[in-house]
Each structure stands twice: as C-alpha cells, then as structure tokens.
Protein backbone atom coordinates (compact mmCIF):
# COMPACT_ATOMS: atom_id res chain seq x y z
CA MET A 1 -1.60 9.29 -29.25
CA LEU A 2 0.72 6.89 -27.41
CA SER A 3 2.59 9.78 -25.81
CA LYS A 4 -0.62 10.73 -23.98
CA PHE A 5 -0.72 7.40 -22.13
CA SER A 6 0.83 6.90 -18.70
CA ILE A 7 2.99 3.82 -18.12
CA ASP A 8 0.13 2.28 -16.12
CA GLU A 9 -2.26 2.82 -19.03
CA LYS A 10 0.20 1.32 -21.50
CA ILE A 11 0.53 -1.74 -19.28
CA GLN A 12 -3.26 -2.08 -19.22
CA LEU A 13 -3.16 -2.49 -23.00
CA LEU A 14 -0.87 -5.52 -22.76
CA GLY A 15 -3.73 -7.71 -21.53
CA GLY A 16 -7.47 -8.04 -21.95
CA HIS A 17 -10.17 -6.35 -19.89
CA ARG A 18 -13.24 -7.97 -18.33
CA PHE A 19 -12.50 -11.31 -20.02
CA PHE A 20 -13.69 -10.43 -23.53
CA TYR A 21 -12.71 -6.80 -24.02
CA ILE A 22 -9.75 -4.63 -24.89
CA LYS A 23 -9.73 -1.72 -22.49
CA GLY A 24 -10.93 1.69 -23.68
CA PHE A 25 -9.88 5.15 -22.53
CA ASP A 26 -12.62 7.77 -22.44
CA LYS A 27 -10.21 10.67 -22.02
CA LEU A 28 -8.70 9.87 -25.43
CA GLY A 29 -11.95 8.95 -27.13
CA ILE A 30 -10.93 5.29 -27.40
CA PRO A 31 -13.83 2.89 -26.78
CA GLU A 32 -13.40 -0.56 -25.29
CA LEU A 33 -13.55 -3.29 -27.91
CA TYR A 34 -15.67 -6.42 -27.50
CA LEU A 35 -14.26 -9.71 -28.81
CA SER A 36 -16.57 -12.66 -29.53
CA ASP A 37 -16.43 -16.10 -31.13
CA ALA A 38 -16.43 -17.39 -33.86
CA THR A 39 -16.20 -18.60 -37.46
CA GLN A 40 -19.70 -19.94 -38.10
CA GLY A 41 -21.71 -17.36 -36.22
CA VAL A 42 -21.88 -15.06 -33.20
CA HIS A 43 -21.55 -16.61 -29.75
CA ILE A 44 -24.05 -15.03 -27.37
CA ARG A 45 -22.65 -14.84 -23.83
CA LYS A 46 -25.61 -14.85 -21.48
CA ASP A 47 -23.51 -13.51 -18.59
CA LEU A 48 -22.74 -10.24 -20.41
CA ASN A 49 -25.07 -7.31 -20.88
CA ASN A 50 -26.30 -5.89 -24.20
CA GLN A 51 -26.00 -9.18 -26.08
CA LEU A 52 -27.93 -10.12 -29.19
CA GLN A 53 -31.17 -11.89 -28.41
CA LYS A 54 -30.37 -14.50 -31.02
CA SER A 55 -27.83 -15.20 -33.76
CA THR A 56 -27.61 -17.37 -36.85
CA ALA A 57 -25.95 -20.78 -36.67
CA PHE A 58 -24.41 -20.89 -40.14
CA PRO A 59 -23.41 -24.18 -41.81
CA CYS A 60 -20.06 -25.34 -40.49
CA PRO A 61 -16.94 -24.08 -42.33
CA SER A 62 -15.95 -27.58 -43.45
CA ALA A 63 -19.27 -27.70 -45.33
CA LEU A 64 -18.58 -24.24 -46.71
CA ALA A 65 -15.15 -25.38 -47.94
CA ALA A 66 -16.75 -28.41 -49.56
CA THR A 67 -18.68 -26.10 -51.91
CA TRP A 68 -15.41 -24.79 -53.47
CA ASN A 69 -17.35 -21.54 -53.81
CA ILE A 70 -15.20 -18.53 -52.93
CA GLU A 71 -18.01 -16.05 -53.62
CA LEU A 72 -20.17 -17.90 -51.12
CA ALA A 73 -17.35 -17.71 -48.57
CA ASN A 74 -17.36 -13.94 -48.96
CA GLU A 75 -21.14 -13.65 -48.57
CA TYR A 76 -21.13 -16.08 -45.64
CA ALA A 77 -18.55 -14.02 -43.77
CA LYS A 78 -20.25 -10.75 -44.64
CA SER A 79 -23.43 -12.07 -43.04
CA VAL A 80 -21.52 -13.06 -39.89
CA GLY A 81 -19.95 -9.61 -39.84
CA GLU A 82 -23.32 -7.88 -40.11
CA GLU A 83 -24.49 -9.76 -37.02
CA CYS A 84 -21.29 -8.74 -35.26
CA ARG A 85 -22.03 -5.11 -35.96
CA ALA A 86 -25.59 -5.52 -34.75
CA GLY A 87 -24.24 -6.97 -31.50
CA GLY A 88 -21.55 -4.35 -30.93
CA ILE A 89 -18.78 -6.86 -31.61
CA ALA A 90 -15.61 -5.16 -32.83
CA VAL A 91 -13.43 -8.27 -33.17
CA LEU A 92 -14.60 -11.69 -34.34
CA LEU A 93 -12.39 -14.45 -32.91
CA GLY A 94 -12.34 -16.21 -36.26
CA PRO A 95 -11.95 -17.54 -38.87
CA GLY A 96 -10.39 -20.74 -37.60
CA MET A 97 -8.25 -22.50 -40.17
CA ASN A 98 -6.27 -25.29 -38.59
CA ILE A 99 -5.59 -27.99 -41.13
CA TYR A 100 -7.53 -31.27 -40.84
CA ARG A 101 -4.71 -33.71 -39.97
CA ILE A 102 -6.14 -35.78 -37.11
CA ALA A 103 -9.58 -37.27 -37.65
CA GLN A 104 -10.38 -37.24 -33.91
CA ASN A 105 -9.89 -33.46 -33.63
CA GLY A 106 -13.14 -32.28 -32.08
CA ARG A 107 -13.03 -28.94 -33.88
CA ASN A 108 -12.37 -30.11 -37.43
CA PHE A 109 -15.93 -29.13 -38.34
CA GLU A 110 -15.21 -25.45 -37.75
CA TYR A 111 -12.09 -25.34 -39.93
CA PHE A 112 -11.72 -25.44 -43.70
CA GLY A 113 -10.58 -28.98 -44.41
CA GLU A 114 -7.28 -30.68 -45.19
CA ASP A 115 -6.17 -28.92 -48.37
CA PRO A 116 -3.94 -25.85 -47.84
CA PHE A 117 -4.73 -24.32 -51.23
CA LEU A 118 -8.51 -24.63 -50.91
CA ALA A 119 -8.42 -23.40 -47.32
CA ALA A 120 -6.35 -20.39 -48.40
CA ARG A 121 -8.79 -19.39 -51.14
CA MET A 122 -11.77 -19.70 -48.80
CA ILE A 123 -10.03 -17.79 -46.01
CA GLU A 124 -8.98 -14.81 -48.11
CA ASN A 125 -12.57 -14.39 -49.24
CA TYR A 126 -13.90 -14.91 -45.73
CA VAL A 127 -11.60 -12.17 -44.40
CA SER A 128 -12.60 -9.76 -47.16
CA GLY A 129 -16.29 -10.36 -46.58
CA LEU A 130 -16.10 -10.07 -42.81
CA GLN A 131 -13.96 -6.95 -42.72
CA SER A 132 -16.11 -5.21 -45.31
CA THR A 133 -18.63 -4.83 -42.47
CA GLY A 134 -16.15 -3.07 -40.20
CA THR A 135 -15.53 -6.15 -38.06
CA MET A 136 -11.94 -7.24 -37.41
CA ALA A 137 -11.03 -10.80 -38.41
CA THR A 138 -8.83 -12.95 -36.16
CA LEU A 139 -6.94 -15.78 -37.86
CA LYS A 140 -6.57 -18.76 -35.51
CA HIS A 141 -5.04 -20.85 -34.03
CA PHE A 142 -1.43 -20.11 -34.91
CA LEU A 143 0.18 -22.66 -35.21
CA CYS A 144 -0.23 -26.42 -35.79
CA ASN A 145 -3.19 -26.79 -33.42
CA ASN A 146 -4.31 -30.14 -34.82
CA THR A 147 -5.97 -31.73 -31.81
CA GLU A 148 -8.30 -30.74 -28.99
CA TYR A 149 -7.31 -33.70 -26.83
CA TYR A 150 -4.84 -32.33 -24.27
CA ARG A 151 -4.30 -29.30 -26.47
CA ARG A 152 -2.90 -27.44 -23.46
CA LYS A 153 -0.24 -30.13 -23.08
CA SER A 154 0.47 -31.23 -26.65
CA ASN A 155 3.67 -30.55 -28.57
CA SER A 156 3.39 -30.29 -32.36
CA ILE A 157 6.75 -31.35 -33.80
CA VAL A 158 6.82 -30.15 -37.39
CA ASP A 159 9.67 -29.52 -39.81
CA GLU A 160 10.16 -26.25 -41.66
CA ARG A 161 8.95 -27.54 -45.02
CA ALA A 162 5.67 -28.87 -43.60
CA ILE A 163 5.09 -25.61 -41.74
CA HIS A 164 5.40 -23.58 -44.93
CA GLU A 165 3.68 -25.98 -47.33
CA ILE A 166 0.83 -27.25 -45.15
CA TYR A 167 0.22 -25.16 -42.06
CA THR A 168 0.78 -21.53 -43.07
CA PRO A 169 -0.73 -21.04 -46.59
CA ALA A 170 -4.21 -20.29 -45.22
CA PHE A 171 -2.77 -17.87 -42.66
CA LYS A 172 -0.69 -16.19 -45.35
CA ALA A 173 -3.77 -15.81 -47.55
CA GLY A 174 -5.70 -14.25 -44.68
CA ILE A 175 -2.84 -11.87 -43.94
CA ASN A 176 -2.60 -10.84 -47.59
CA ALA A 177 -6.36 -10.22 -47.57
CA GLY A 178 -5.88 -7.71 -44.76
CA ALA A 179 -6.78 -9.66 -41.61
CA MET A 180 -6.20 -7.37 -38.65
CA ALA A 181 -5.58 -9.91 -35.87
CA VAL A 182 -4.08 -13.35 -35.28
CA MET A 183 -4.61 -15.61 -32.26
CA THR A 184 -1.89 -17.99 -31.13
CA SER A 185 -2.67 -21.56 -30.11
CA TYR A 186 -2.51 -23.50 -26.83
CA ASN A 187 -0.09 -26.18 -27.99
CA GLN A 188 3.66 -26.15 -28.09
CA VAL A 189 5.38 -25.86 -31.47
CA ASN A 190 8.65 -27.77 -31.53
CA GLY A 191 9.01 -27.61 -27.77
CA GLU A 192 7.83 -24.07 -26.94
CA TRP A 193 4.36 -22.80 -26.18
CA SER A 194 3.03 -20.94 -29.19
CA PRO A 195 2.32 -17.49 -27.66
CA GLN A 196 5.71 -17.32 -25.96
CA SER A 197 7.71 -18.65 -28.91
CA LYS A 198 9.80 -15.99 -30.63
CA TYR A 199 10.09 -18.32 -33.61
CA VAL A 200 6.30 -18.63 -33.95
CA VAL A 201 5.27 -15.03 -33.28
CA THR A 202 8.16 -12.90 -34.52
CA ASP A 203 10.23 -14.99 -36.91
CA LEU A 204 7.43 -16.86 -38.65
CA LEU A 205 4.26 -14.77 -38.29
CA LYS A 206 5.64 -11.24 -38.36
CA ASN A 207 8.79 -11.65 -40.43
CA ASP A 208 8.18 -14.58 -42.81
CA LEU A 209 4.44 -14.05 -43.32
CA GLY A 210 4.61 -10.27 -43.02
CA PHE A 211 1.83 -9.81 -40.47
CA LYS A 212 1.63 -6.23 -39.13
CA GLY A 213 -1.52 -6.40 -37.02
CA LEU A 214 -2.55 -7.45 -33.52
CA VAL A 215 -1.25 -10.78 -32.17
CA MET A 216 -3.23 -12.07 -29.18
CA SER A 217 -3.00 -15.23 -27.12
CA ASP A 218 -5.80 -17.69 -26.68
CA TRP A 219 -7.35 -17.50 -23.23
CA TRP A 220 -5.01 -18.65 -20.42
CA SER A 221 -2.44 -20.06 -22.82
CA THR A 222 0.73 -18.35 -21.57
CA TRP A 223 3.06 -19.77 -18.94
CA ASP A 224 6.17 -17.60 -18.75
CA PRO A 225 5.57 -13.80 -18.61
CA ALA A 226 9.10 -12.84 -19.65
CA LYS A 227 9.09 -15.18 -22.66
CA THR A 228 5.63 -13.94 -23.59
CA MET A 229 6.77 -10.33 -23.52
CA LEU A 230 9.79 -11.01 -25.69
CA SER A 231 8.13 -13.38 -28.16
CA GLY A 232 6.40 -10.55 -30.00
CA LEU A 233 2.92 -11.17 -28.56
CA ASP A 234 0.89 -7.95 -28.32
CA LEU A 235 -2.13 -8.89 -26.21
CA GLU A 236 -2.37 -11.53 -23.47
CA MET A 237 -5.91 -12.80 -22.91
CA PRO A 238 -7.94 -12.62 -20.77
CA GLY A 239 -5.44 -10.32 -19.10
CA GLU A 240 -6.55 -8.88 -15.80
CA THR A 241 -7.57 -12.27 -14.43
CA ALA A 242 -4.43 -14.10 -15.56
CA THR A 243 -2.43 -14.94 -12.45
CA GLU A 244 0.98 -15.11 -14.11
CA TRP A 245 1.33 -11.34 -14.41
CA LYS A 246 1.40 -10.89 -10.63
CA TYR A 247 4.91 -12.29 -10.62
CA LEU A 248 6.29 -9.34 -12.53
CA LYS A 249 6.46 -5.85 -11.09
CA ARG A 250 5.14 -3.00 -13.21
CA TRP A 251 8.59 -1.63 -13.99
CA GLU A 252 9.83 -5.09 -15.02
CA ILE A 253 6.98 -5.39 -17.50
CA PHE A 254 7.74 -1.98 -18.91
CA LEU A 255 11.45 -2.73 -19.30
CA LEU A 256 10.70 -5.99 -21.07
CA ARG A 257 8.49 -4.15 -23.54
CA MET A 258 11.19 -1.53 -24.03
CA GLN A 259 13.44 -4.30 -25.33
CA ARG A 260 10.93 -4.77 -28.15
CA GLN A 261 10.84 -0.99 -28.72
CA ILE A 262 7.05 -0.92 -28.42
CA PHE A 263 7.03 2.32 -26.46
C-alpha cells in the first residue's frame, strides 16, 4: 500500500488534516479519520459538519476510579465508544490517565486518581470496552503532565524509578490491552519537550513499554521540526496549520524520515 503513495502524499500523513482529521486518500480507498475528545464523553464541535446533536456527559473518570469496579469501567467505555461510532468518530482522544500528583491540576477530575495500580486496572478495561466498538483509544498525555498551569512551559523533572513505578503503569496497562494510539504531552520531561524527546517517544514508549501503534502530538505542542521527526513521533497535530513545518523543505522532511526508516 505504501508503495502506491507519492512522496507528497507520504508527507501529508506526517501531520493532521483540517484540525481534527487524519487525511484520507480516495484513490486507495482510505477514508479520512475523525479524532474527537475525550475520556468522559464525546465532544461535539459546533463548527464542524455532521456532528452528533447531543452526547452523554458521563460521570468523571475520577468518580469511576473511586468505584474500584473494573467491569463498570469496561461498560462505561463501551458506551462512550458506541456514541463515537454514531458520530463517525474513528479515534477517541482518550482515555486520559495522568497521575493525580498536584491538587491544583485543573484536569484531575478527568483522570483516574493517584494510585498507579488502580489506574492501570481501570485503564485496561476502559481500552478493551472502547475498542470493542471499533473506536481507537488514545492514551494521554505521555508523560508526566501533572499540571495545567503553564503546561506549555513546565518542565517535569522525574527520576527513572518514579517514571516506571508511578507514571507509566497505567500507560503500560493500556498498551497491553491493545490501545492503538498514544498522545504526547505539552510539558518538557527532564528538559526536553515530550513529543520531540527521543527518550520519551522511542526509548521509553516504544522500546521499554513496547508500544507499536500511532504516536501523535497534542495540538501545537512541537517546537523543533527536526527533533520531532527524529524522536519517533508519527503524527504532528494539527498538522497543516502548524507554522513550524514551513521551515523545512519537502525533501528535508523526507530525508529526516528516511533516517527512521519509515519509508
């Protein structure tokens, strides 16, 4: 299939399309894929056509985790997935699973609490339930995204033991359950922005945790195109509107990808 793509078409698959889509190619029978938020229900974007008229606001994931009920996590996610299918959503940008470490984090309510083991058990069942509907799960935000305050400027300094014992068990559980996508975070991890960190994307996520699926950035979270290309990131979002790509010529982008032996 890949051999049928031109270089220009391959480059178009490195970034998003129309803000919330992955580009499709009619000549190859590949539809565009719609990506939508998030963990506790479908986000309806009023500015896009063919949206659901309404969606269910499910109880927040921290409340779900508080039940300690893994069967309920599966049914919860299955219900979210069914609404995704009804709305033509191919990829849910969830579940979110950042560990509750800072009480002031404005998004703690949509994660699964402070305990890595409990979060892992809930996440693996969430992923199974969601993907049983044919909707792709996206584990986020990788990694150590513990605050919303200045999250585009923050630097999470974390040692190796804490990363493996606290921050990755839920991600590992989701990966083992078959999650098909992972989204990187806005923050820096030990001095490098998450989506352009080879340690975060390739060494930790792909090698240590064994993830084989799609790795995408959060929206407008990359800064250095060359680092982003070489980090192991697969999809830069939102893509076509991101200004940083204009600084690289098409052939430079292709050569950078060749170094990763993608093509």
